[in-house]
Protein backbone atom coordinates (compact mmCIF):
# COMPACT_ATOMS: atom_id res chain seq x y z
CA MET A 1 -32.75 19.92 9.78
CA SER A 2 -31.67 18.51 6.43
CA THR A 3 -33.05 19.05 2.97
CA ALA A 4 -32.38 17.37 -0.39
CA ALA A 5 -33.96 17.57 -3.81
CA ALA A 6 -34.21 15.20 -6.76
CA PRO A 7 -33.14 16.16 -10.30
CA PRO A 8 -35.64 15.61 -13.13
CA GLY A 9 -36.19 11.98 -13.95
CA ALA A 10 -33.40 10.72 -11.74
CA GLY A 11 -34.95 10.45 -8.29
CA PRO A 12 -33.68 12.13 -5.14
CA GLN A 13 -30.21 13.59 -5.03
CA GLY A 14 -27.30 11.60 -3.70
CA SER A 15 -28.24 8.12 -4.94
CA PRO A 16 -25.25 5.79 -5.18
CA ASP A 17 -24.48 4.91 -8.80
CA ASP A 18 -27.09 7.30 -10.17
CA GLY A 19 -26.03 6.47 -13.71
CA ASP A 20 -26.66 2.74 -13.27
CA ARG A 21 -29.92 3.34 -11.47
CA GLY A 22 -31.06 5.56 -14.32
CA SER A 23 -30.45 2.86 -16.86
CA LEU A 24 -33.20 0.64 -18.16
CA ARG A 25 -31.34 -2.42 -16.87
CA ALA A 26 -31.59 -1.11 -13.32
CA ALA A 27 -35.29 -0.46 -13.90
CA LEU A 28 -35.79 -4.06 -15.03
CA GLY A 29 -34.08 -5.16 -11.82
CA GLY A 30 -36.86 -3.38 -9.94
CA LEU A 31 -39.53 -5.81 -11.09
CA THR A 32 -41.60 -7.05 -8.18
CA THR A 33 -42.66 -10.64 -7.62
CA ARG A 34 -45.92 -9.87 -9.36
CA GLY A 35 -44.12 -8.34 -12.35
CA ARG A 36 -41.73 -11.27 -12.67
CA SER A 37 -44.63 -13.70 -12.43
CA PHE A 38 -46.52 -11.91 -15.22
CA LEU A 39 -43.41 -11.88 -17.39
CA ALA A 40 -42.71 -15.58 -16.81
CA ALA A 41 -46.35 -16.52 -17.44
CA GLY A 42 -46.37 -14.52 -20.66
CA VAL A 43 -43.19 -16.17 -21.97
CA ALA A 44 -44.53 -19.63 -21.04
CA ALA A 45 -47.85 -18.93 -22.76
CA ALA A 46 -46.07 -17.71 -25.91
CA VAL A 47 -43.91 -20.85 -26.04
CA CYS A 48 -46.94 -23.09 -25.58
CA ALA A 49 -48.84 -21.16 -28.26
CA TYR A 50 -45.96 -21.67 -30.70
CA VAL A 51 -45.73 -25.40 -29.92
CA LEU A 52 -49.49 -25.99 -30.04
CA GLY A 53 -50.18 -23.54 -32.85
CA GLN A 54 -52.77 -21.58 -30.84
CA ALA A 55 -52.94 -17.94 -31.97
CA ASP A 56 -55.29 -16.88 -29.18
CA LEU A 57 -52.95 -18.25 -26.55
CA LEU A 58 -50.13 -16.31 -28.18
CA ARG A 59 -52.08 -13.05 -27.79
CA VAL A 60 -52.65 -13.80 -24.10
CA GLY A 61 -48.96 -14.54 -23.61
CA LEU A 62 -47.90 -11.32 -25.30
CA LEU A 63 -50.30 -9.33 -23.12
CA LEU A 64 -48.95 -10.93 -19.95
CA ALA A 65 -45.33 -10.35 -20.97
CA VAL A 66 -45.72 -6.81 -22.29
CA LEU A 67 -47.67 -5.41 -19.30
CA PRO A 68 -44.77 -5.48 -16.77
CA LEU A 69 -42.36 -4.20 -19.44
CA ILE A 70 -44.63 -1.23 -20.12
CA CYS A 71 -44.78 -0.51 -16.36
CA VAL A 72 -40.97 -0.58 -16.21
CA VAL A 73 -40.62 1.88 -19.10
CA VAL A 74 -43.29 4.23 -17.74
CA LEU A 75 -41.77 4.24 -14.24
CA HIS A 76 -38.29 4.68 -15.68
CA ARG A 77 -39.41 7.67 -17.76
CA THR A 78 -41.15 9.41 -14.85
CA ARG A 79 -40.23 13.10 -14.94
CA TYR A 80 -41.28 14.54 -11.59
CA ARG A 81 -38.95 15.94 -8.95
CA VAL A 82 -39.26 15.32 -5.23
CA ALA A 83 -37.62 17.23 -2.37
CA GLY A 84 -37.36 15.83 1.14
CA SER A 85 -36.45 17.31 4.53
CA ARG A 86 -36.07 16.08 8.09
CA ARG A 87 -36.40 17.96 11.39
CA LEU A 88 -35.60 16.69 14.88
CA ALA A 89 -37.39 17.95 17.97
CA PRO A 90 -35.24 18.10 20.00
CA GLN A 91 -31.80 17.33 18.54
CA ARG A 92 -30.40 16.56 22.00
CA VAL A 93 -32.39 14.26 24.28
CA GLU A 94 -31.71 12.43 27.54
CA THR A 95 -31.56 8.67 27.75
CA GLY A 96 -35.00 7.13 28.08
CA ALA A 97 -36.72 10.22 26.65
CA GLU A 98 -38.37 10.40 23.24
CA ALA A 99 -37.56 12.64 20.29
CA ARG A 100 -39.88 13.21 17.36
CA VAL A 101 -38.63 13.15 13.78
CA HIS A 102 -40.65 15.15 11.26
CA LEU A 103 -40.36 14.21 7.57
CA ARG A 104 -41.61 16.39 4.73
CA VAL A 105 -41.84 15.47 1.06
CA ASP A 106 -42.47 18.19 -1.57
CA ASN A 107 -43.41 17.52 -5.18
CA VAL A 108 -41.60 20.33 -6.98
CA SER A 109 -42.51 19.12 -10.47
CA ARG A 110 -45.53 20.02 -12.60
CA VAL A 111 -47.03 16.54 -12.67
CA PRO A 112 -48.54 14.55 -9.80
CA THR A 113 -46.63 11.60 -8.40
CA GLY A 114 -47.77 8.04 -8.17
CA LEU A 115 -47.69 5.88 -5.08
CA LEU A 116 -44.61 6.62 -2.93
CA MET A 117 -43.14 4.39 -0.24
CA LEU A 118 -41.18 6.49 2.27
CA GLN A 119 -38.55 4.87 4.50
CA ASP A 120 -36.00 6.40 6.86
CA HIS A 121 -32.83 4.66 8.03
CA VAL A 122 -32.72 4.47 11.84
CA PRO A 123 -30.14 2.63 14.02
CA TYR A 124 -31.66 -0.40 15.72
CA MET A 125 -30.97 1.15 19.17
CA LEU A 126 -33.58 3.81 18.42
CA GLY A 127 -36.36 1.44 17.43
CA PRO A 128 -37.82 -0.14 14.28
CA ARG A 129 -37.26 1.38 10.86
CA PRO A 130 -40.21 3.69 10.03
CA ARG A 131 -42.10 3.19 6.76
CA PHE A 132 -44.90 5.32 5.27
CA VAL A 133 -47.13 5.11 2.19
CA LEU A 134 -47.87 8.39 0.38
CA ASP A 135 -50.74 8.23 -2.09
CA ARG A 136 -50.40 10.61 -5.05
CA VAL A 137 -48.83 13.97 -4.24
CA GLU A 138 -50.30 16.66 -6.46
CA ALA A 139 -48.10 19.05 -8.44
CA GLY A 140 -46.57 21.54 -6.01
CA GLY A 141 -48.05 19.64 -3.07
CA ARG A 142 -46.41 18.28 0.02
CA ARG A 143 -46.90 15.56 2.61
CA GLU A 144 -45.71 15.55 6.23
CA VAL A 145 -45.29 12.51 8.47
CA SER A 146 -43.53 11.96 11.78
CA TYR A 147 -42.29 9.17 14.00
CA ARG A 148 -40.71 8.85 17.44
CA VAL A 149 -37.32 7.48 18.49
CA ARG A 150 -36.05 6.52 21.92
CA SER A 151 -32.79 5.13 23.29
CA ASP A 152 -31.68 3.84 26.68
CA LEU A 153 -28.04 4.17 25.62
CA ARG A 154 -25.93 7.29 25.30
CA GLY A 155 -24.36 8.23 21.98
CA ARG A 156 -24.68 10.05 18.69
CA PHE A 157 -26.93 8.28 16.22
CA PRO A 158 -27.28 9.15 12.49
CA LEU A 159 -30.80 9.35 11.06
CA GLY A 160 -31.00 8.84 7.32
CA PRO A 161 -30.62 8.84 4.48
CA LEU A 162 -34.27 9.02 3.48
CA GLN A 163 -35.40 6.56 0.82
CA LEU A 164 -38.30 6.73 -1.64
CA ARG A 165 -39.75 3.70 -3.37
CA LEU A 166 -41.65 4.44 -6.58
CA ASN A 167 -44.39 1.98 -7.61
CA ASP A 168 -46.52 1.73 -10.72
CA PRO A 169 -50.34 1.46 -10.32
CA PHE A 170 -50.29 -2.29 -11.03
CA GLY A 171 -47.48 -3.11 -8.60
CA MET A 172 -45.33 -4.58 -11.34
CA CYS A 173 -42.19 -2.51 -10.73
CA GLU A 174 -40.57 -0.79 -7.77
CA LEU A 175 -37.60 1.62 -7.89
CA THR A 176 -35.68 2.92 -4.87
CA ARG A 177 -34.11 6.37 -4.67
CA SER A 178 -32.03 7.65 -1.74
CA PHE A 179 -31.43 11.18 -0.49
CA SER A 180 -27.92 12.07 0.60
CA ALA A 181 -28.65 14.19 3.67
CA TYR A 182 -28.86 12.83 7.19
CA ASP A 183 -29.18 14.26 10.72
CA MET A 184 -27.49 13.41 14.00
CA LEU A 185 -29.44 12.71 17.18
CA THR A 186 -27.45 13.12 20.39
CA VAL A 187 -28.58 11.07 23.38
CA VAL A 188 -27.04 12.57 26.53
CA PRO A 189 -26.91 11.14 30.06
CA ARG A 190 -29.97 11.58 32.21
CA THR A 191 -29.57 14.41 34.74
CA GLU A 192 -31.11 14.55 38.18
CA PRO A 193 -32.08 17.86 39.85
CA LEU A 194 -29.96 18.46 42.95
CA PRO A 195 -30.97 20.37 46.09
CA PRO A 196 -29.27 23.76 46.63
CA VAL A 197 -27.16 22.77 49.64
CA LYS A 198 -24.28 24.78 51.08
CA LEU A 199 -21.03 22.87 50.66
CA SER A 200 -18.14 23.63 52.97
CA GLY A 201 -15.23 25.49 51.47
CA GLU A 202 -17.22 26.91 48.58
CA SER A 203 -18.54 30.36 47.79
CA ALA A 204 -21.91 31.09 46.33
CA GLY A 205 -20.95 32.09 42.83
CA TYR A 206 -21.20 35.87 42.65
CA GLY A 207 -22.04 36.17 46.34
CA ASP A 208 -19.92 36.50 49.48
CA GLY A 209 -16.36 35.35 49.55
CA GLN A 210 -15.51 36.27 45.96
CA GLN A 211 -12.41 38.25 45.10
CA ARG A 212 -12.78 41.46 43.17
CA SER A 213 -10.66 42.02 40.12
CA LEU A 214 -10.91 45.80 40.12
CA ALA A 215 -11.09 48.38 42.90
CA LEU A 216 -12.95 51.65 42.51
CA ALA A 217 -11.49 53.62 45.38
CA GLY A 218 -11.46 56.90 43.45
CA ASP A 219 -10.87 58.57 40.11
CA ASP A 220 -7.19 57.66 40.21
CA ASP A 221 -8.05 53.94 40.32
CA ILE A 222 -10.50 54.02 37.42
CA ILE A 223 -9.53 51.91 34.39
CA PRO A 224 -11.78 53.04 31.51
CA ARG A 225 -12.69 51.07 28.41
CA ALA A 226 -14.30 51.90 25.09
CA TYR A 227 -18.07 52.34 25.00
CA ARG A 228 -20.06 49.30 23.88
CA HIS A 229 -23.60 49.22 22.61
CA GLY A 230 -25.95 48.86 25.55
CA ASP A 231 -23.67 50.43 28.18
CA ASP A 232 -25.32 52.77 30.67
CA LEU A 233 -24.60 56.37 29.70
CA ARG A 234 -24.28 57.24 33.39
CA ARG A 235 -21.00 55.31 33.38
CA VAL A 236 -19.40 57.57 30.76
CA HIS A 237 -16.05 58.90 32.02
CA TRP A 238 -15.78 62.32 30.41
CA ARG A 239 -12.16 62.96 31.36
CA SER A 240 -11.00 59.80 29.59
CA THR A 241 -13.35 60.54 26.67
CA ALA A 242 -11.65 63.91 26.15
CA ARG A 243 -8.21 62.31 26.48
CA TYR A 244 -8.72 59.44 24.01
CA GLY A 245 -11.04 61.21 21.58
CA GLU A 246 -13.74 58.49 21.82
CA LEU A 247 -16.53 57.65 24.21
CA MET A 248 -15.11 55.85 27.27
CA VAL A 249 -16.96 54.27 30.21
CA ARG A 250 -15.94 53.22 33.71
CA ARG A 251 -15.35 49.54 34.21
CA GLU A 252 -17.42 48.10 36.99
CA GLU A 253 -16.30 45.62 39.59
CA GLN A 254 -16.01 42.19 38.06
CA PRO A 255 -16.27 39.39 40.59
CA GLN A 256 -14.05 36.40 40.05
CA ARG A 257 -16.35 33.51 39.35
CA ALA A 258 -16.29 30.49 41.62
CA ARG A 259 -14.86 27.36 40.06
CA CYS A 260 -15.81 23.73 40.18
CA THR A 261 -13.97 20.76 38.69
CA VAL A 262 -15.85 17.52 38.10
CA LEU A 263 -13.51 14.52 37.83
CA LEU A 264 -14.93 11.47 36.05
CA ASP A 265 -13.06 8.20 36.38
CA THR A 266 -13.44 6.34 33.07
CA ARG A 267 -10.84 3.61 33.57
CA GLY A 268 -12.06 0.33 32.16
CA ILE A 269 -10.50 -1.65 35.02
CA ALA A 270 -12.43 0.43 37.58
CA TYR A 271 -15.88 -0.76 36.51
CA GLU A 272 -17.54 -4.08 35.88
CA GLY A 273 -20.74 -4.73 34.01
CA ALA A 274 -22.41 -2.75 31.23
CA GLY A 275 -25.78 -1.39 30.28
CA PRO A 276 -28.00 1.47 31.45
CA ASP A 277 -28.00 0.25 35.08
CA SER A 278 -24.24 -0.26 35.40
CA ALA A 279 -22.00 1.60 37.82
CA PHE A 280 -20.22 3.44 35.01
CA GLU A 281 -23.47 4.80 33.59
CA TRP A 282 -24.44 6.00 37.07
CA ALA A 283 -21.12 7.83 37.35
CA VAL A 284 -21.58 9.48 33.95
CA SER A 285 -25.11 10.53 34.83
CA GLY A 286 -23.92 11.84 38.19
CA ALA A 287 -21.19 13.93 36.58
CA ALA A 288 -23.72 15.39 34.15
CA SER A 289 -26.08 16.28 37.01
CA VAL A 290 -23.38 18.04 39.02
CA LEU A 291 -22.10 19.96 35.99
CA THR A 292 -25.60 21.20 35.17
CA HIS A 293 -26.30 22.08 38.80
CA MET A 294 -23.11 24.08 39.28
CA LEU A 295 -23.59 25.97 36.01
CA GLU A 296 -27.07 26.96 37.14
CA ARG A 297 -25.58 28.27 40.38
CA GLY A 298 -23.20 30.56 38.48
CA TYR A 299 -19.99 28.54 38.60
CA SER A 300 -17.28 28.18 36.00
CA VAL A 301 -17.01 24.43 35.62
CA ARG A 302 -14.56 22.01 34.13
CA LEU A 303 -15.09 18.39 33.18
CA LEU A 304 -11.93 16.36 33.69
CA THR A 305 -11.35 12.65 33.09
CA ASP A 306 -8.67 10.30 34.34
CA THR A 307 -6.87 10.70 31.01
CA GLY A 308 -6.24 14.38 31.80
CA SER A 309 -8.49 15.56 28.96
CA SER A 310 -11.34 18.00 29.34
CA VAL A 311 -14.15 19.26 27.15
CA PRO A 312 -12.77 20.59 23.82
CA GLY A 313 -13.30 24.26 23.11
CA GLU A 314 -13.36 25.38 26.73
CA GLY A 315 -12.24 28.74 28.03
CA ALA A 316 -9.12 29.72 29.90
CA GLU A 317 -7.48 27.04 32.07
CA GLY A 318 -10.00 24.51 30.90
CA PHE A 319 -13.03 26.11 32.56
CA THR A 320 -16.15 26.96 30.65
CA GLY A 321 -19.39 28.82 31.23
CA ALA A 322 -17.56 31.96 32.28
CA GLY A 323 -20.21 34.23 30.77
CA ARG A 324 -22.90 35.76 32.95
CA SER A 325 -25.84 35.27 30.66
CA ALA A 326 -28.17 32.29 30.71
CA ALA A 327 -27.29 31.61 27.07
CA ASP A 328 -23.61 31.16 28.00
CA SER A 329 -24.49 28.62 30.68
CA THR A 330 -26.81 26.79 28.30
CA ASP A 331 -24.14 26.57 25.61
CA ALA A 332 -21.56 25.37 28.12
CA ALA A 333 -23.93 22.73 29.45
CA GLY A 334 -24.73 21.57 25.92
CA LEU A 335 -21.05 21.24 25.06
CA MET A 336 -20.37 19.12 28.12
CA MET A 337 -23.47 16.99 27.60
CA ASP A 338 -22.32 16.27 24.05
CA THR A 339 -18.96 15.13 25.44
CA LEU A 340 -20.56 12.91 28.07
CA ALA A 341 -22.86 11.44 25.43
CA VAL A 342 -19.90 9.68 23.77
CA VAL A 343 -17.51 9.18 26.70
CA ASP A 344 -16.35 5.59 27.06
CA HIS A 345 -13.92 3.52 29.09
CA SER A 346 -10.27 4.48 28.86
CA ASP A 347 -7.32 2.13 28.73
CA GLY A 348 -5.52 3.90 31.57
CA ALA A 349 -4.66 2.16 34.82
CA GLY A 350 -4.34 5.18 37.12
CA LEU A 351 -5.33 8.77 37.91
CA SER A 352 -1.87 10.29 37.51
CA ARG A 353 -2.76 12.36 34.44
CA ALA A 354 -5.69 13.95 36.20
CA PHE A 355 -3.41 14.62 39.18
CA ASP A 356 -0.97 16.45 36.91
CA VAL A 357 -3.74 18.69 35.58
CA LEU A 358 -4.92 19.60 39.07
CA ARG A 359 -1.39 20.20 40.33
CA GLY A 360 -0.42 23.75 41.18
CA GLY A 361 -2.98 26.34 42.15
CA HIS A 362 -6.35 26.63 43.83
CA GLU A 363 -9.01 24.90 41.76
CA GLY A 364 -12.07 25.61 43.90
CA LEU A 365 -14.64 22.90 44.53
CA LEU A 366 -13.64 19.40 43.39
CA VAL A 367 -16.27 16.70 42.85
CA ALA A 368 -15.05 13.24 41.82
CA PHE A 369 -16.92 10.19 40.56
CA VAL A 370 -14.56 7.21 40.82
CA GLY A 371 -14.83 3.47 40.43
CA ASP A 372 -12.82 0.73 42.11
CA LEU A 373 -9.64 2.07 43.76
CA ASP A 374 -6.60 0.16 44.86
CA GLU A 375 -4.40 1.43 47.67
CA GLU A 376 -2.09 3.36 45.34
CA GLN A 377 -4.89 5.13 43.45
CA ALA A 378 -6.71 5.96 46.67
CA ALA A 379 -3.55 7.64 48.01
CA LEU A 380 -3.13 9.54 44.74
CA LEU A 381 -6.73 10.72 44.83
CA ALA A 382 -6.27 11.77 48.46
CA ARG A 383 -3.38 14.06 47.47
CA MET A 384 -5.60 15.84 44.95
CA ARG A 385 -7.47 17.33 47.91
CA GLN A 386 -4.51 19.60 48.61
CA ARG A 387 -4.97 21.32 45.27
CA GLY A 388 -8.40 22.76 46.03
CA GLY A 389 -10.81 23.84 48.70
CA ALA A 390 -13.71 21.51 49.31
CA ALA A 391 -13.57 18.02 47.81
CA ILE A 392 -16.34 15.45 47.48
CA ALA A 393 -15.79 11.90 46.20
CA PHE A 394 -18.56 9.50 45.18
CA VAL A 395 -16.96 6.05 45.27
CA LEU A 396 -18.65 3.24 43.32
CA ASP A 397 -17.69 -0.36 43.97
CA SER A 398 -18.75 -2.13 40.78
CA GLY A 399 -18.68 -5.49 42.57
CA THR A 400 -21.55 -4.45 44.82
CA TRP A 401 -23.46 -3.20 41.79
CA LEU A 402 -23.25 -6.65 40.24
CA THR A 403 -24.24 -8.50 43.42
CA GLY A 404 -26.51 -5.85 44.91
CA GLY A 405 -24.68 -6.20 48.23
CA ALA A 406 -23.34 -3.69 50.72
CA VAL A 407 -20.04 -1.85 50.55
CA ALA A 408 -17.12 -4.25 50.94
CA GLY A 409 -14.36 -3.93 53.50
CA ALA A 410 -11.74 -2.90 50.92
CA VAL A 411 -13.96 0.00 49.85
CA GLU A 412 -14.29 1.10 53.48
CA ASP A 413 -10.49 1.26 53.69
CA ARG A 414 -10.36 3.48 50.59
CA LEU A 415 -13.06 5.73 52.03
CA ARG A 416 -11.10 6.04 55.26
CA THR A 417 -7.98 7.06 53.31
CA LEU A 418 -9.86 9.80 51.51
CA ARG A 419 -11.56 11.09 54.65
CA GLU A 420 -8.29 11.32 56.51
CA ALA A 421 -7.02 13.53 53.68
CA GLY A 422 -9.98 15.88 54.04
CA TRP A 423 -12.28 14.48 51.38
CA GLN A 424 -16.00 14.13 51.91
CA ALA A 425 -16.04 10.51 50.69
CA ILE A 426 -19.44 8.94 50.12
CA PRO A 427 -20.01 5.31 49.07
CA VAL A 428 -22.57 4.76 46.31
CA ALA A 429 -24.83 1.72 46.54
CA PRO A 430 -26.97 0.37 43.68
CA GLY A 431 -30.26 2.19 43.17
CA VAL A 432 -29.38 5.21 45.31
CA ARG A 433 -30.43 8.70 44.18
CA LEU A 434 -27.71 11.30 43.65
CA ALA A 435 -29.94 13.98 45.17
CA ASP A 436 -29.94 12.11 48.50
CA LEU A 437 -26.15 11.74 48.43
CA TRP A 438 -25.78 15.41 47.53
CA GLN A 439 -27.95 16.34 50.48
CA GLN A 440 -25.82 14.06 52.64
CA ALA A 441 -22.65 15.84 51.47
CA GLY A 442 -24.15 19.20 52.41
CA GLY A 443 -25.27 17.97 55.83
CA ALA A 444 -21.90 16.45 56.62
CA ALA A 445 -20.17 19.67 55.58
CA VAL A 446 -22.07 21.65 58.21
CA GLN A 447 -20.69 19.38 60.96
CA ALA A 448 -17.12 19.47 59.64
CA PRO A 449 -14.34 21.20 61.65
CA ALA A 450 -13.55 24.83 60.92
CA ALA A 451 -10.21 24.01 59.29
CA ASP A 452 -7.75 21.17 58.80
CA THR A 453 -4.30 20.60 57.48
CA TYR A 454 -5.61 20.27 53.96
CA GLY A 455 -6.97 23.77 54.11
CA GLY A 456 -10.46 24.15 53.04
CA TRP A 457 -13.42 23.22 55.18
CA ALA A 458 -15.29 26.23 56.54
């Protein structure tokens, strides 16, 4: 939400060249077509009256010429103040969904306003520029209007600044004032709800299969900590309290949270075509859906791209959403959605940087959304499987997305390479739903062998 106010007699705050706009010359430049026509007719009538020696015609000419000038002076000397604010509901919206923008104009002066023309600057991707007419706002009064915006493209779009056009009652003069404040609307990828399938090699968040960070075998194994507001008093450890001189409590078992890494291939050479229905947009939307789904299941997740970069501001080792509360998961999901809202093609030619990030250590579940792969990149992606437990790859052949055909033979070879390395490799055809592919990955995992050389399928 943004708010701005106008100083007395100068219009809303933040106008460019406020000094020039406050001058009488700038006010004369605000003459409308009607005002200029009256002024020209008055000057012409005065000239004709002088040439023909007609006093009555001279009076008519002076009246026509003076009327727009009086309107300019009156509008220029207007002494009311106007405050404006904008509120977005919501500030983050999925592609194809609508957001409502609420505008509020307050007359904070002691005199009523005249006719106000309200206009908000909106990028063309969000729709036409909204315009409103406000008829006389009383002293201390306010007016509220709203409009809707919608975008089929991801991104961050500025809304504003808000503009006011002041008109005199005769329509002779029009002055424009601009507020300085603006708001940012974030359009994130559309997410698809995924079925809660059991994937091989994974653990169910806080459920079975999780390692415990602390053992409570007896009093000798207890590691106390300082009391925090909200702790259960039944956990107070009196022996440690007496030793340290402050209230101490027993630390409970803290399960190690399951991890999931979502790899998004953003290489420009891996995708063809553009627009909301392109293969790249499907991959971005798929990554967003998996991230949201795994956070809801209690995972610590990490968004990784082919450039080796992940979401800024994440927790330890690049994972985020490590908190147990729903608010932590919501904040983590919002941070990743904001990143995916602006992600674009990279200039890289390979996945080596992502391979370096995944190298060394168990990374848990790995879900990859990749575009076209050559033989070298397919082999490199296959080796990433050794760095984690279960691994699922959604392979998009952008050529089939442009032609609407079936998966080509070269793609089948890449899928075979990944499957031989232990990946659950699934081809993605145009128009397919991620939920169906996710269900397919879970069904195939149940039929997988108990173990393999790449160590992870259960």
